[in-house]
Amino acid sequence: MTGFPWGAVFEVALRTLAVCGSALIIALVLGLPLGIWLGRRRFPGRSLLVAIANTGMGLPPVVVGLGVFLLLARSGPLGPWRLIFTPEAMVVAQVVIALPLIVGITLAAVGSLPADFHLQVRALGLRGSRALWVLLREIRMGLLAAVIVALGGILSEVGAVWMVGGNIEGQTRVLTTGVMMYVQMGRYEDAIALAAILMGLTFVLTGSLTAIQQTRRA
């Protein structure tokens, strides 16, 4: 492999984990309560919110990238914050990608509970945080599925993070954008090397979550 910067691979891998991990945590903090709330409540406008969440699950990442770029660009509404072409901008784009996945799958998990589940919880005298804990235990498989799907989605994303991050060496380059760059340069062996590292990370992370899911199911 001609001139392959092996010394920078570790840095790029760490940045990939940092960006994806931050985005996943933020998406979980925002998405889990929203998904549970939509699953438990019935109110005017709920169907519209559910439709928006379901649409977001299939939203093309390049569209997300364009939207975040226009929002954070120097001439955009949040331009003065100077977030464009930074890791923070990449986190924002990945949160937008992961959030609908977490909301949608959490909503489906809550919706799969028996119709009288909440009545049973109340009959047992459970309220507040205790009732929430019982609910989380009942939908834990769905929650793990949400984490797995969201993590896989943002780990493999390239278009949105390239658009808002710029693939700047030492600053915003991650594994997916590095693979794309080497392909465009015709350095296919180097691209395959980075792709192998990315696949390894994806397998370890999602495989660990899947193992936890299967163990708890057993």
N, C-alpha and C. Protein backbone atom coordinates (compact mmCIF):
# COMPACT_ATOMS: atom_id res chain seq x y z
N MET A 1 0.85 -1.18 0.00
CA MET A 1 0.00 0.00 0.00
C MET A 1 0.89 1.24 0.00
N THR A 2 0.84 2.00 -1.04
CA THR A 2 1.73 3.12 -1.22
C THR A 2 1.35 4.27 -0.30
N GLY A 3 2.28 4.61 0.59
CA GLY A 3 2.10 5.79 1.42
C GLY A 3 0.89 5.75 2.33
N PHE A 4 0.46 4.57 2.72
CA PHE A 4 -0.72 4.50 3.58
C PHE A 4 -0.37 5.01 4.98
N PRO A 5 -1.10 6.00 5.49
CA PRO A 5 -0.75 6.63 6.78
C PRO A 5 -1.22 5.80 7.97
N TRP A 6 -0.54 4.72 8.22
CA TRP A 6 -0.97 3.85 9.31
C TRP A 6 -0.98 4.58 10.65
N GLY A 7 -0.09 5.56 10.80
CA GLY A 7 -0.04 6.28 12.07
C GLY A 7 -1.30 7.07 12.35
N ALA A 8 -2.03 7.46 11.31
CA ALA A 8 -3.24 8.26 11.48
C ALA A 8 -4.50 7.41 11.62
N VAL A 9 -4.38 6.11 11.35
CA VAL A 9 -5.56 5.24 11.39
C VAL A 9 -6.17 5.20 12.78
N PHE A 10 -5.33 5.09 13.80
CA PHE A 10 -5.82 5.03 15.18
C PHE A 10 -6.59 6.31 15.53
N GLU A 11 -6.06 7.45 15.12
CA GLU A 11 -6.72 8.73 15.38
C GLU A 11 -8.08 8.80 14.68
N VAL A 12 -8.11 8.35 13.42
CA VAL A 12 -9.36 8.38 12.66
C VAL A 12 -10.40 7.43 13.29
N ALA A 13 -9.94 6.26 13.73
CA ALA A 13 -10.86 5.31 14.35
C ALA A 13 -11.42 5.86 15.66
N LEU A 14 -10.57 6.51 16.46
CA LEU A 14 -11.04 7.11 17.70
C LEU A 14 -12.03 8.23 17.44
N ARG A 15 -11.75 9.03 16.40
CA ARG A 15 -12.67 10.11 16.06
C ARG A 15 -14.01 9.54 15.60
N THR A 16 -13.96 8.46 14.85
CA THR A 16 -15.19 7.81 14.41
C THR A 16 -16.02 7.36 15.60
N LEU A 17 -15.37 6.73 16.58
CA LEU A 17 -16.07 6.27 17.77
C LEU A 17 -16.60 7.44 18.59
N ALA A 18 -15.82 8.52 18.68
CA ALA A 18 -16.23 9.68 19.46
C ALA A 18 -17.46 10.35 18.85
N VAL A 19 -17.42 10.54 17.53
CA VAL A 19 -18.55 11.20 16.85
C VAL A 19 -19.80 10.32 16.92
N CYS A 20 -19.65 9.04 16.58
CA CYS A 20 -20.81 8.15 16.58
C CYS A 20 -21.34 7.93 18.00
N GLY A 21 -20.42 7.79 18.96
CA GLY A 21 -20.86 7.59 20.34
C GLY A 21 -21.61 8.79 20.89
N SER A 22 -21.10 9.99 20.60
CA SER A 22 -21.78 11.20 21.06
C SER A 22 -23.16 11.32 20.43
N ALA A 23 -23.24 11.07 19.13
CA ALA A 23 -24.52 11.16 18.43
C ALA A 23 -25.51 10.13 18.97
N LEU A 24 -25.03 8.92 19.24
CA LEU A 24 -25.93 7.87 19.74
C LEU A 24 -26.46 8.23 21.12
N ILE A 25 -25.61 8.73 22.00
CA ILE A 25 -26.05 9.09 23.35
C ILE A 25 -27.09 10.20 23.30
N ILE A 26 -26.82 11.23 22.50
CA ILE A 26 -27.77 12.34 22.38
C ILE A 26 -29.10 11.86 21.81
N ALA A 27 -29.02 11.02 20.77
CA ALA A 27 -30.24 10.50 20.15
C ALA A 27 -31.04 9.65 21.14
N LEU A 28 -30.35 8.88 21.98
CA LEU A 28 -31.04 8.06 22.97
C LEU A 28 -31.71 8.93 24.04
N VAL A 29 -30.99 9.95 24.50
CA VAL A 29 -31.54 10.84 25.53
C VAL A 29 -32.80 11.54 25.02
N LEU A 30 -32.79 11.93 23.75
CA LEU A 30 -33.95 12.60 23.17
C LEU A 30 -35.02 11.62 22.69
N GLY A 31 -34.59 10.52 22.09
CA GLY A 31 -35.51 9.63 21.40
C GLY A 31 -36.27 8.67 22.29
N LEU A 32 -35.63 8.14 23.34
CA LEU A 32 -36.32 7.19 24.20
C LEU A 32 -37.53 7.81 24.90
N PRO A 33 -37.38 8.96 25.55
CA PRO A 33 -38.58 9.55 26.18
C PRO A 33 -39.67 9.89 25.17
N LEU A 34 -39.26 10.38 23.99
CA LEU A 34 -40.24 10.74 22.97
C LEU A 34 -40.98 9.50 22.46
N GLY A 35 -40.23 8.42 22.21
CA GLY A 35 -40.85 7.19 21.73
C GLY A 35 -41.79 6.60 22.76
N ILE A 36 -41.39 6.61 24.03
CA ILE A 36 -42.26 6.09 25.09
C ILE A 36 -43.50 6.95 25.24
N TRP A 37 -43.32 8.27 25.18
CA TRP A 37 -44.45 9.19 25.30
C TRP A 37 -45.46 8.99 24.17
N LEU A 38 -44.95 8.87 22.94
CA LEU A 38 -45.86 8.65 21.81
C LEU A 38 -46.55 7.30 21.89
N GLY A 39 -45.84 6.31 22.45
CA GLY A 39 -46.44 4.99 22.56
C GLY A 39 -47.52 4.89 23.63
N ARG A 40 -47.42 5.73 24.66
CA ARG A 40 -48.34 5.63 25.79
C ARG A 40 -49.52 6.59 25.70
N ARG A 41 -49.34 7.69 24.96
CA ARG A 41 -50.35 8.74 24.97
C ARG A 41 -51.20 8.73 23.70
N ARG A 42 -52.42 9.20 23.84
CA ARG A 42 -53.32 9.41 22.70
C ARG A 42 -53.80 10.86 22.77
N PHE A 43 -53.53 11.63 21.74
CA PHE A 43 -53.87 13.05 21.75
C PHE A 43 -53.99 13.53 20.31
N PRO A 44 -54.66 14.66 20.08
CA PRO A 44 -54.77 15.20 18.73
C PRO A 44 -53.39 15.54 18.16
N GLY A 45 -53.15 15.11 16.94
CA GLY A 45 -51.86 15.38 16.32
C GLY A 45 -50.85 14.26 16.50
N ARG A 46 -51.20 13.23 17.29
CA ARG A 46 -50.27 12.12 17.51
C ARG A 46 -49.95 11.40 16.21
N SER A 47 -50.96 11.17 15.39
CA SER A 47 -50.75 10.46 14.13
C SER A 47 -49.75 11.19 13.24
N LEU A 48 -49.81 12.51 13.26
CA LEU A 48 -48.87 13.30 12.46
C LEU A 48 -47.44 13.12 12.97
N LEU A 49 -47.27 13.14 14.29
CA LEU A 49 -45.93 12.96 14.87
C LEU A 49 -45.38 11.57 14.56
N VAL A 50 -46.25 10.57 14.65
CA VAL A 50 -45.82 9.20 14.33
C VAL A 50 -45.43 9.10 12.86
N ALA A 51 -46.21 9.73 12.00
CA ALA A 51 -45.89 9.71 10.56
C ALA A 51 -44.56 10.41 10.30
N ILE A 52 -44.28 11.49 11.00
CA ILE A 52 -43.01 12.19 10.83
C ILE A 52 -41.86 11.29 11.27
N ALA A 53 -42.04 10.60 12.40
CA ALA A 53 -40.99 9.70 12.89
C ALA A 53 -40.76 8.56 11.90
N ASN A 54 -41.83 7.98 11.37
CA ASN A 54 -41.68 6.89 10.40
C ASN A 54 -41.04 7.37 9.11
N THR A 55 -41.38 8.57 8.69
CA THR A 55 -40.75 9.14 7.49
C THR A 55 -39.27 9.36 7.72
N GLY A 56 -38.94 9.86 8.92
CA GLY A 56 -37.53 10.10 9.24
C GLY A 56 -36.69 8.84 9.24
N MET A 57 -37.32 7.69 9.53
CA MET A 57 -36.58 6.43 9.54
C MET A 57 -36.05 6.08 8.15
N GLY A 58 -36.75 6.56 7.11
CA GLY A 58 -36.31 6.28 5.75
C GLY A 58 -35.75 7.48 5.04
N LEU A 59 -35.45 8.54 5.78
CA LEU A 59 -34.96 9.77 5.17
C LEU A 59 -33.55 9.55 4.61
N PRO A 60 -33.28 9.87 3.34
CA PRO A 60 -31.95 9.70 2.77
C PRO A 60 -30.91 10.52 3.53
N PRO A 61 -29.81 9.92 3.95
CA PRO A 61 -28.80 10.66 4.70
C PRO A 61 -28.27 11.89 3.97
N VAL A 62 -28.20 11.83 2.63
CA VAL A 62 -27.69 12.98 1.89
C VAL A 62 -28.63 14.17 2.05
N VAL A 63 -29.94 13.91 2.20
CA VAL A 63 -30.90 14.98 2.44
C VAL A 63 -30.67 15.58 3.83
N VAL A 64 -30.39 14.70 4.80
CA VAL A 64 -30.07 15.16 6.14
C VAL A 64 -28.81 16.05 6.10
N GLY A 65 -27.80 15.59 5.38
CA GLY A 65 -26.58 16.36 5.27
C GLY A 65 -26.81 17.73 4.66
N LEU A 66 -27.63 17.78 3.63
CA LEU A 66 -27.93 19.05 2.99
C LEU A 66 -28.66 19.98 3.95
N GLY A 67 -29.64 19.45 4.67
CA GLY A 67 -30.38 20.27 5.62
C GLY A 67 -29.50 20.83 6.72
N VAL A 68 -28.65 19.97 7.28
CA VAL A 68 -27.75 20.42 8.35
C VAL A 68 -26.73 21.41 7.81
N PHE A 69 -26.25 21.17 6.59
CA PHE A 69 -25.29 22.10 5.98
C PHE A 69 -25.90 23.49 5.82
N LEU A 70 -27.12 23.56 5.28
CA LEU A 70 -27.78 24.84 5.08
C LEU A 70 -28.05 25.53 6.42
N LEU A 71 -28.27 24.74 7.46
CA LEU A 71 -28.53 25.29 8.78
C LEU A 71 -27.27 25.87 9.42
N LEU A 72 -26.14 25.17 9.23
CA LEU A 72 -24.90 25.54 9.91
C LEU A 72 -23.93 26.35 9.07
N ALA A 73 -24.19 26.44 7.76
CA ALA A 73 -23.29 27.19 6.88
C ALA A 73 -23.16 28.64 7.34
N ARG A 74 -22.09 29.29 6.93
CA ARG A 74 -21.82 30.66 7.37
C ARG A 74 -23.00 31.59 7.09
N SER A 75 -23.72 31.35 6.00
CA SER A 75 -24.87 32.19 5.64
C SER A 75 -26.18 31.65 6.20
N GLY A 76 -26.12 30.55 6.93
CA GLY A 76 -27.32 29.93 7.48
C GLY A 76 -27.73 30.53 8.81
N PRO A 77 -28.88 30.08 9.33
CA PRO A 77 -29.39 30.62 10.60
C PRO A 77 -28.42 30.45 11.77
N LEU A 78 -27.68 29.33 11.78
CA LEU A 78 -26.73 29.07 12.87
C LEU A 78 -25.29 29.29 12.44
N GLY A 79 -25.11 30.02 11.34
CA GLY A 79 -23.76 30.30 10.85
C GLY A 79 -22.84 30.97 11.85
N PRO A 80 -23.34 31.92 12.63
CA PRO A 80 -22.45 32.58 13.62
C PRO A 80 -21.86 31.63 14.65
N TRP A 81 -22.44 30.45 14.81
CA TRP A 81 -21.88 29.49 15.76
C TRP A 81 -20.61 28.83 15.23
N ARG A 82 -20.35 28.96 13.92
CA ARG A 82 -19.15 28.41 13.28
C ARG A 82 -18.97 26.91 13.54
N LEU A 83 -20.04 26.17 13.33
CA LEU A 83 -20.00 24.72 13.54
C LEU A 83 -19.72 23.94 12.27
N ILE A 84 -19.92 24.55 11.11
CA ILE A 84 -19.75 23.82 9.86
C ILE A 84 -18.31 23.36 9.72
N PHE A 85 -18.14 22.15 9.17
CA PHE A 85 -16.83 21.52 8.99
C PHE A 85 -16.11 21.29 10.32
N THR A 86 -16.88 20.89 11.32
CA THR A 86 -16.33 20.52 12.63
C THR A 86 -16.93 19.18 13.05
N PRO A 87 -16.31 18.49 14.01
CA PRO A 87 -16.90 17.25 14.51
C PRO A 87 -18.29 17.47 15.08
N GLU A 88 -18.54 18.64 15.67
CA GLU A 88 -19.85 18.93 16.22
C GLU A 88 -20.94 18.91 15.15
N ALA A 89 -20.62 19.44 13.96
CA ALA A 89 -21.58 19.41 12.86
C ALA A 89 -21.87 17.97 12.44
N MET A 90 -20.87 17.12 12.47
CA MET A 90 -21.06 15.72 12.13
C MET A 90 -21.95 15.03 13.15
N VAL A 91 -21.77 15.39 14.42
CA VAL A 91 -22.62 14.83 15.47
C VAL A 91 -24.07 15.23 15.24
N VAL A 92 -24.30 16.50 14.90
CA VAL A 92 -25.65 16.98 14.65
C VAL A 92 -26.31 16.17 13.52
N ALA A 93 -25.57 15.98 12.42
CA ALA A 93 -26.12 15.23 11.29
C ALA A 93 -26.45 13.79 11.69
N GLN A 94 -25.58 13.17 12.46
CA GLN A 94 -25.83 11.79 12.85
C GLN A 94 -26.97 11.67 13.86
N VAL A 95 -27.14 12.68 14.71
CA VAL A 95 -28.28 12.68 15.62
C VAL A 95 -29.59 12.72 14.83
N VAL A 96 -29.62 13.56 13.80
CA VAL A 96 -30.83 13.66 12.97
C VAL A 96 -31.13 12.33 12.28
N ILE A 97 -30.08 11.59 11.92
CA ILE A 97 -30.27 10.29 11.28
C ILE A 97 -30.74 9.24 12.29
N ALA A 98 -30.13 9.24 13.48
CA ALA A 98 -30.42 8.20 14.47
C ALA A 98 -31.71 8.43 15.23
N LEU A 99 -32.08 9.69 15.44
CA LEU A 99 -33.23 9.99 16.29
C LEU A 99 -34.54 9.35 15.81
N PRO A 100 -34.90 9.47 14.53
CA PRO A 100 -36.16 8.83 14.10
C PRO A 100 -36.14 7.30 14.25
N LEU A 101 -34.96 6.69 14.07
CA LEU A 101 -34.85 5.24 14.23
C LEU A 101 -35.16 4.84 15.66
N ILE A 102 -34.60 5.57 16.61
CA ILE A 102 -34.82 5.25 18.02
C ILE A 102 -36.26 5.51 18.41
N VAL A 103 -36.80 6.66 17.97
CA VAL A 103 -38.20 6.98 18.30
C VAL A 103 -39.14 5.94 17.70
N GLY A 104 -38.94 5.60 16.43
CA GLY A 104 -39.84 4.68 15.75
C GLY A 104 -39.82 3.28 16.35
N ILE A 105 -38.62 2.76 16.63
CA ILE A 105 -38.52 1.40 17.17
C ILE A 105 -39.01 1.36 18.62
N THR A 106 -38.72 2.40 19.41
CA THR A 106 -39.22 2.47 20.78
C THR A 106 -40.74 2.55 20.79
N LEU A 107 -41.28 3.36 19.90
CA LEU A 107 -42.73 3.49 19.78
C LEU A 107 -43.36 2.14 19.44
N ALA A 108 -42.76 1.41 18.52
CA ALA A 108 -43.28 0.10 18.14
C ALA A 108 -43.20 -0.88 19.30
N ALA A 109 -42.10 -0.80 20.08
CA ALA A 109 -41.94 -1.70 21.22
C ALA A 109 -43.01 -1.43 22.28
N VAL A 110 -43.28 -0.16 22.55
CA VAL A 110 -44.33 0.17 23.52
C VAL A 110 -45.70 -0.26 22.98
N GLY A 111 -45.92 -0.07 21.69
CA GLY A 111 -47.18 -0.44 21.10
C GLY A 111 -47.44 -1.94 21.08
N SER A 112 -46.37 -2.74 21.19
CA SER A 112 -46.53 -4.19 21.17
C SER A 112 -46.92 -4.77 22.53
N LEU A 113 -46.93 -3.94 23.56
CA LEU A 113 -47.33 -4.42 24.88
C LEU A 113 -48.82 -4.73 24.90
N PRO A 114 -49.25 -5.62 25.78
CA PRO A 114 -50.69 -5.92 25.89
C PRO A 114 -51.49 -4.65 26.15
N ALA A 115 -52.70 -4.63 25.65
CA ALA A 115 -53.54 -3.43 25.75
C ALA A 115 -53.79 -3.04 27.21
N ASP A 116 -53.83 -4.02 28.10
CA ASP A 116 -54.11 -3.72 29.50
C ASP A 116 -52.84 -3.63 30.35
N PHE A 117 -51.69 -3.49 29.72
CA PHE A 117 -50.43 -3.47 30.46
C PHE A 117 -50.42 -2.34 31.49
N HIS A 118 -50.77 -1.15 31.05
CA HIS A 118 -50.71 0.00 31.95
C HIS A 118 -51.73 -0.12 33.08
N LEU A 119 -52.87 -0.75 32.81
CA LEU A 119 -53.86 -0.98 33.86
C LEU A 119 -53.31 -1.96 34.89
N GLN A 120 -52.59 -2.97 34.43
CA GLN A 120 -52.00 -3.94 35.35
C GLN A 120 -50.95 -3.27 36.24
N VAL A 121 -50.14 -2.40 35.64
CA VAL A 121 -49.11 -1.70 36.42
C VAL A 121 -49.76 -0.84 37.50
N ARG A 122 -50.83 -0.13 37.12
CA ARG A 122 -51.51 0.70 38.11
C ARG A 122 -52.18 -0.14 39.19
N ALA A 123 -52.70 -1.30 38.80
CA ALA A 123 -53.34 -2.18 39.77
C ALA A 123 -52.35 -2.68 40.82
N LEU A 124 -51.09 -2.78 40.41
CA LEU A 124 -50.04 -3.20 41.34
C LEU A 124 -49.56 -2.06 42.23
N GLY A 125 -50.12 -0.87 42.01
CA GLY A 125 -49.76 0.27 42.84
C GLY A 125 -48.46 0.94 42.44
N LEU A 126 -48.01 0.68 41.21
CA LEU A 126 -46.76 1.25 40.75
C LEU A 126 -47.02 2.61 40.11
N ARG A 127 -46.24 3.60 40.49
CA ARG A 127 -46.38 4.94 39.95
C ARG A 127 -44.99 5.53 39.67
N GLY A 128 -44.98 6.55 38.85
CA GLY A 128 -43.76 7.32 38.62
C GLY A 128 -42.61 6.49 38.10
N SER A 129 -41.45 6.63 38.77
CA SER A 129 -40.23 5.98 38.30
C SER A 129 -40.32 4.46 38.36
N ARG A 130 -41.07 3.93 39.31
CA ARG A 130 -41.22 2.46 39.43
C ARG A 130 -42.01 1.92 38.24
N ALA A 131 -43.06 2.62 37.85
CA ALA A 131 -43.83 2.20 36.69
C ALA A 131 -43.00 2.31 35.41
N LEU A 132 -42.19 3.37 35.33
CA LEU A 132 -41.32 3.54 34.15
C LEU A 132 -40.29 2.42 34.08
N TRP A 133 -39.75 2.02 35.22
CA TRP A 133 -38.75 0.95 35.24
C TRP A 133 -39.37 -0.38 34.76
N VAL A 134 -40.60 -0.66 35.19
CA VAL A 134 -41.27 -1.87 34.73
C VAL A 134 -41.48 -1.81 33.22
N LEU A 135 -41.87 -0.64 32.71
CA LEU A 135 -42.08 -0.47 31.28
C LEU A 135 -40.78 -0.71 30.51
N LEU A 136 -39.68 -0.14 31.00
CA LEU A 136 -38.40 -0.30 30.32
C LEU A 136 -37.96 -1.76 30.31
N ARG A 137 -38.22 -2.47 31.40
CA ARG A 137 -37.88 -3.89 31.44
C ARG A 137 -38.67 -4.68 30.40
N GLU A 138 -39.94 -4.33 30.24
CA GLU A 138 -40.79 -5.05 29.30
C GLU A 138 -40.39 -4.80 27.85
N ILE A 139 -39.86 -3.62 27.54
CA ILE A 139 -39.53 -3.29 26.15
C ILE A 139 -38.02 -3.32 25.91
N ARG A 140 -37.26 -3.93 26.82
CA ARG A 140 -35.80 -3.87 26.72
C ARG A 140 -35.28 -4.47 25.42
N MET A 141 -35.93 -5.50 24.89
CA MET A 141 -35.48 -6.08 23.64
C MET A 141 -35.62 -5.08 22.49
N GLY A 142 -36.75 -4.37 22.50
CA GLY A 142 -36.95 -3.36 21.49
C GLY A 142 -35.96 -2.22 21.62
N LEU A 143 -35.63 -1.85 22.86
CA LEU A 143 -34.66 -0.77 23.08
C LEU A 143 -33.28 -1.17 22.57
N LEU A 144 -32.89 -2.40 22.83
CA LEU A 144 -31.60 -2.87 22.33
C LEU A 144 -31.60 -2.90 20.80
N ALA A 145 -32.73 -3.30 20.22
CA ALA A 145 -32.83 -3.28 18.76
C ALA A 145 -32.69 -1.86 18.23
N ALA A 146 -33.28 -0.89 18.92
CA ALA A 146 -33.17 0.51 18.51
C ALA A 146 -31.72 0.97 18.54
N VAL A 147 -31.00 0.59 19.59
CA VAL A 147 -29.59 0.98 19.71
C VAL A 147 -28.77 0.35 18.59
N ILE A 148 -29.01 -0.93 18.31
CA ILE A 148 -28.26 -1.63 17.27
C ILE A 148 -28.50 -1.01 15.91
N VAL A 149 -29.76 -0.75 15.58
CA VAL A 149 -30.09 -0.17 14.28
C VAL A 149 -29.52 1.24 14.15
N ALA A 150 -29.67 2.05 15.19
CA ALA A 150 -29.17 3.42 15.14
C ALA A 150 -27.65 3.45 15.03
N LEU A 151 -26.98 2.61 15.81
CA LEU A 151 -25.53 2.57 15.77
C LEU A 151 -25.03 2.13 14.40
N GLY A 152 -25.66 1.09 13.85
CA GLY A 152 -25.26 0.63 12.52
C GLY A 152 -25.48 1.70 11.46
N GLY A 153 -26.59 2.45 11.61
CA GLY A 153 -26.88 3.49 10.64
C GLY A 153 -25.87 4.62 10.63
N ILE A 154 -25.45 5.07 11.81
CA ILE A 154 -24.53 6.20 11.85
C ILE A 154 -23.07 5.77 11.64
N LEU A 155 -22.74 4.54 12.01
CA LEU A 155 -21.38 4.06 11.75
C LEU A 155 -21.11 3.95 10.25
N SER A 156 -22.13 3.59 9.49
CA SER A 156 -21.95 3.37 8.05
C SER A 156 -22.22 4.63 7.22
N GLU A 157 -22.62 5.71 7.85
CA GLU A 157 -23.00 6.92 7.12
C GLU A 157 -21.76 7.64 6.57
N VAL A 158 -21.85 8.09 5.32
CA VAL A 158 -20.73 8.81 4.71
C VAL A 158 -21.16 10.14 4.09
N GLY A 159 -22.30 10.15 3.38
CA GLY A 159 -22.71 11.35 2.65
C GLY A 159 -22.93 12.55 3.53
N ALA A 160 -23.71 12.37 4.59
CA ALA A 160 -24.04 13.49 5.47
C ALA A 160 -22.81 14.01 6.20
N VAL A 161 -21.99 13.09 6.74
CA VAL A 161 -20.84 13.55 7.51
C VAL A 161 -19.79 14.19 6.61
N TRP A 162 -19.67 13.72 5.37
CA TRP A 162 -18.75 14.36 4.42
C TRP A 162 -19.24 15.78 4.11
N MET A 163 -20.54 15.93 3.92
CA MET A 163 -21.09 17.22 3.53
C MET A 163 -20.91 18.27 4.61
N VAL A 164 -21.12 17.90 5.86
CA VAL A 164 -21.04 18.88 6.95
C VAL A 164 -19.69 18.89 7.65
N GLY A 165 -18.90 17.81 7.45
CA GLY A 165 -17.60 17.74 8.10
C GLY A 165 -16.44 18.10 7.20
N GLY A 166 -16.57 17.82 5.91
CA GLY A 166 -15.54 18.21 4.97
C GLY A 166 -14.38 17.25 4.82
N ASN A 167 -14.33 16.18 5.64
CA ASN A 167 -13.25 15.20 5.54
C ASN A 167 -11.88 15.86 5.69
N ILE A 168 -11.73 16.73 6.66
CA ILE A 168 -10.47 17.46 6.88
C ILE A 168 -9.52 16.59 7.68
N GLU A 169 -8.33 16.39 7.15
CA GLU A 169 -7.34 15.53 7.81
C GLU A 169 -7.00 16.09 9.18
N GLY A 170 -7.02 15.21 10.18
CA GLY A 170 -6.68 15.60 11.53
C GLY A 170 -7.79 16.31 12.28
N GLN A 171 -8.94 16.55 11.61
CA GLN A 171 -10.02 17.28 12.27
C GLN A 171 -11.37 16.56 12.13
N THR A 172 -11.78 16.29 10.89
CA THR A 172 -13.11 15.72 10.70
C THR A 172 -13.10 14.43 9.88
N ARG A 173 -11.95 13.92 9.55
CA ARG A 173 -11.91 12.69 8.77
C ARG A 173 -12.26 11.51 9.67
N VAL A 174 -13.21 10.70 9.21
CA VAL A 174 -13.60 9.48 9.91
C VAL A 174 -13.41 8.31 8.95
N LEU A 175 -13.70 7.11 9.41
CA LEU A 175 -13.40 5.92 8.60
C LEU A 175 -14.20 5.91 7.30
N THR A 176 -15.47 6.25 7.35
CA THR A 176 -16.28 6.18 6.12
C THR A 176 -15.81 7.19 5.09
N THR A 177 -15.53 8.43 5.52
CA THR A 177 -15.08 9.44 4.56
C THR A 177 -13.68 9.13 4.06
N GLY A 178 -12.87 8.48 4.92
CA GLY A 178 -11.55 8.06 4.47
C GLY A 178 -11.63 7.01 3.38
N VAL A 179 -12.55 6.05 3.54
CA VAL A 179 -12.75 5.03 2.50
C VAL A 179 -13.15 5.68 1.19
N MET A 180 -14.10 6.59 1.23
CA MET A 180 -14.56 7.27 0.03
C MET A 180 -13.43 8.06 -0.63
N MET A 181 -12.62 8.72 0.18
CA MET A 181 -11.52 9.52 -0.36
C MET A 181 -10.53 8.64 -1.12
N TYR A 182 -10.16 7.51 -0.52
CA TYR A 182 -9.19 6.63 -1.17
C TYR A 182 -9.75 6.01 -2.44
N VAL A 183 -11.06 5.73 -2.45
CA VAL A 183 -11.67 5.21 -3.67
C VAL A 183 -11.59 6.25 -4.77
N GLN A 184 -11.89 7.49 -4.46
CA GLN A 184 -11.83 8.56 -5.46
C GLN A 184 -10.41 8.78 -5.96
N MET A 185 -9.43 8.51 -5.11
CA MET A 185 -8.03 8.66 -5.50
C MET A 185 -7.51 7.44 -6.26
N GLY A 186 -8.31 6.38 -6.33
CA GLY A 186 -7.87 5.17 -6.99
C GLY A 186 -6.97 4.31 -6.13
N ARG A 187 -6.87 4.61 -4.85
CA ARG A 187 -6.03 3.82 -3.94
C ARG A 187 -6.92 2.77 -3.27
N TYR A 188 -7.25 1.76 -4.04
CA TYR A 188 -8.25 0.78 -3.62
C TYR A 188 -7.78 -0.09 -2.46
N GLU A 189 -6.51 -0.42 -2.43
CA GLU A 189 -6.00 -1.25 -1.33
C GLU A 189 -6.12 -0.50 0.00
N ASP A 190 -5.82 0.80 -0.03
CA ASP A 190 -5.94 1.61 1.18
C ASP A 190 -7.40 1.72 1.60
N ALA A 191 -8.28 1.89 0.61
CA ALA A 191 -9.71 1.95 0.92
C ALA A 191 -10.19 0.65 1.55
N ILE A 192 -9.72 -0.47 1.03
CA ILE A 192 -10.11 -1.77 1.58
C ILE A 192 -9.61 -1.92 3.01
N ALA A 193 -8.41 -1.41 3.29
CA ALA A 193 -7.85 -1.50 4.64
C ALA A 193 -8.72 -0.73 5.64
N LEU A 194 -9.09 0.50 5.27
CA LEU A 194 -9.97 1.28 6.16
C LEU A 194 -11.34 0.64 6.29
N ALA A 195 -11.85 0.10 5.18
CA ALA A 195 -13.16 -0.56 5.21
C ALA A 195 -13.13 -1.77 6.14
N ALA A 196 -12.02 -2.49 6.14
CA ALA A 196 -11.90 -3.65 7.02
C ALA A 196 -11.92 -3.23 8.48
N ILE A 197 -11.24 -2.12 8.78
CA ILE A 197 -11.25 -1.61 10.15
C ILE A 197 -12.66 -1.19 10.55
N LEU A 198 -13.35 -0.52 9.64
CA LEU A 198 -14.72 -0.08 9.91
C LEU A 198 -15.63 -1.28 10.14
N MET A 199 -15.49 -2.30 9.30
CA MET A 199 -16.31 -3.49 9.46
C MET A 199 -16.01 -4.18 10.78
N GLY A 200 -14.74 -4.19 11.16
CA GLY A 200 -14.37 -4.79 12.43
C GLY A 200 -15.01 -4.07 13.61
N LEU A 201 -14.96 -2.73 13.60
CA LEU A 201 -15.59 -1.95 14.66
C LEU A 201 -17.10 -2.21 14.69
N THR A 202 -17.71 -2.21 13.53
CA THR A 202 -19.15 -2.42 13.45
C THR A 202 -19.52 -3.80 13.99
N PHE A 203 -18.74 -4.80 13.61
CA PHE A 203 -19.02 -6.17 14.06
C PHE A 203 -18.88 -6.28 15.58
N VAL A 204 -17.83 -5.69 16.13
CA VAL A 204 -17.59 -5.78 17.57
C VAL A 204 -18.70 -5.08 18.35
N LEU A 205 -19.05 -3.86 17.94
CA LEU A 205 -20.04 -3.08 18.68
C LEU A 205 -21.44 -3.67 18.55
N THR A 206 -21.88 -3.87 17.31
CA THR A 206 -23.23 -4.41 17.13
C THR A 206 -23.31 -5.87 17.56
N GLY A 207 -22.21 -6.60 17.37
CA GLY A 207 -22.19 -7.99 17.82
C GLY A 207 -22.31 -8.10 19.33
N SER A 208 -21.66 -7.20 20.06
CA SER A 208 -21.76 -7.21 21.52
C SER A 208 -23.18 -6.91 21.97
N LEU A 209 -23.80 -5.90 21.32
CA LEU A 209 -25.19 -5.58 21.67
C LEU A 209 -26.14 -6.72 21.33
N THR A 210 -25.88 -7.37 20.22
CA THR A 210 -26.73 -8.51 19.82
C THR A 210 -26.58 -9.66 20.80
N ALA A 211 -25.35 -9.90 21.28
CA ALA A 211 -25.11 -10.96 22.25
C ALA A 211 -25.86 -10.67 23.55
N ILE A 212 -25.85 -9.39 23.97
CA ILE A 212 -26.60 -9.01 25.18
C ILE A 212 -28.08 -9.25 24.97
N GLN A 213 -28.57 -8.87 23.78
CA GLN A 213 -29.98 -9.04 23.48
C GLN A 213 -30.39 -10.51 23.52
N GLN A 214 -29.59 -11.36 22.90
CA GLN A 214 -29.92 -12.79 22.84
C GLN A 214 -29.80 -13.44 24.21
N THR A 215 -28.82 -13.00 25.02
CA THR A 215 -28.65 -13.56 26.35
C THR A 215 -29.84 -13.23 27.22
N ARG A 216 -30.29 -11.96 27.15
CA ARG A 216 -31.44 -11.57 27.97
C ARG A 216 -32.71 -12.28 27.50
N ARG A 217 -32.82 -12.49 26.20
CA ARG A 217 -33.99 -13.20 25.69
C ARG A 217 -34.01 -14.63 26.19
N ALA A 218 -32.81 -15.26 26.21
CA ALA A 218 -32.76 -16.64 26.71
C ALA A 218 -33.10 -16.71 28.19
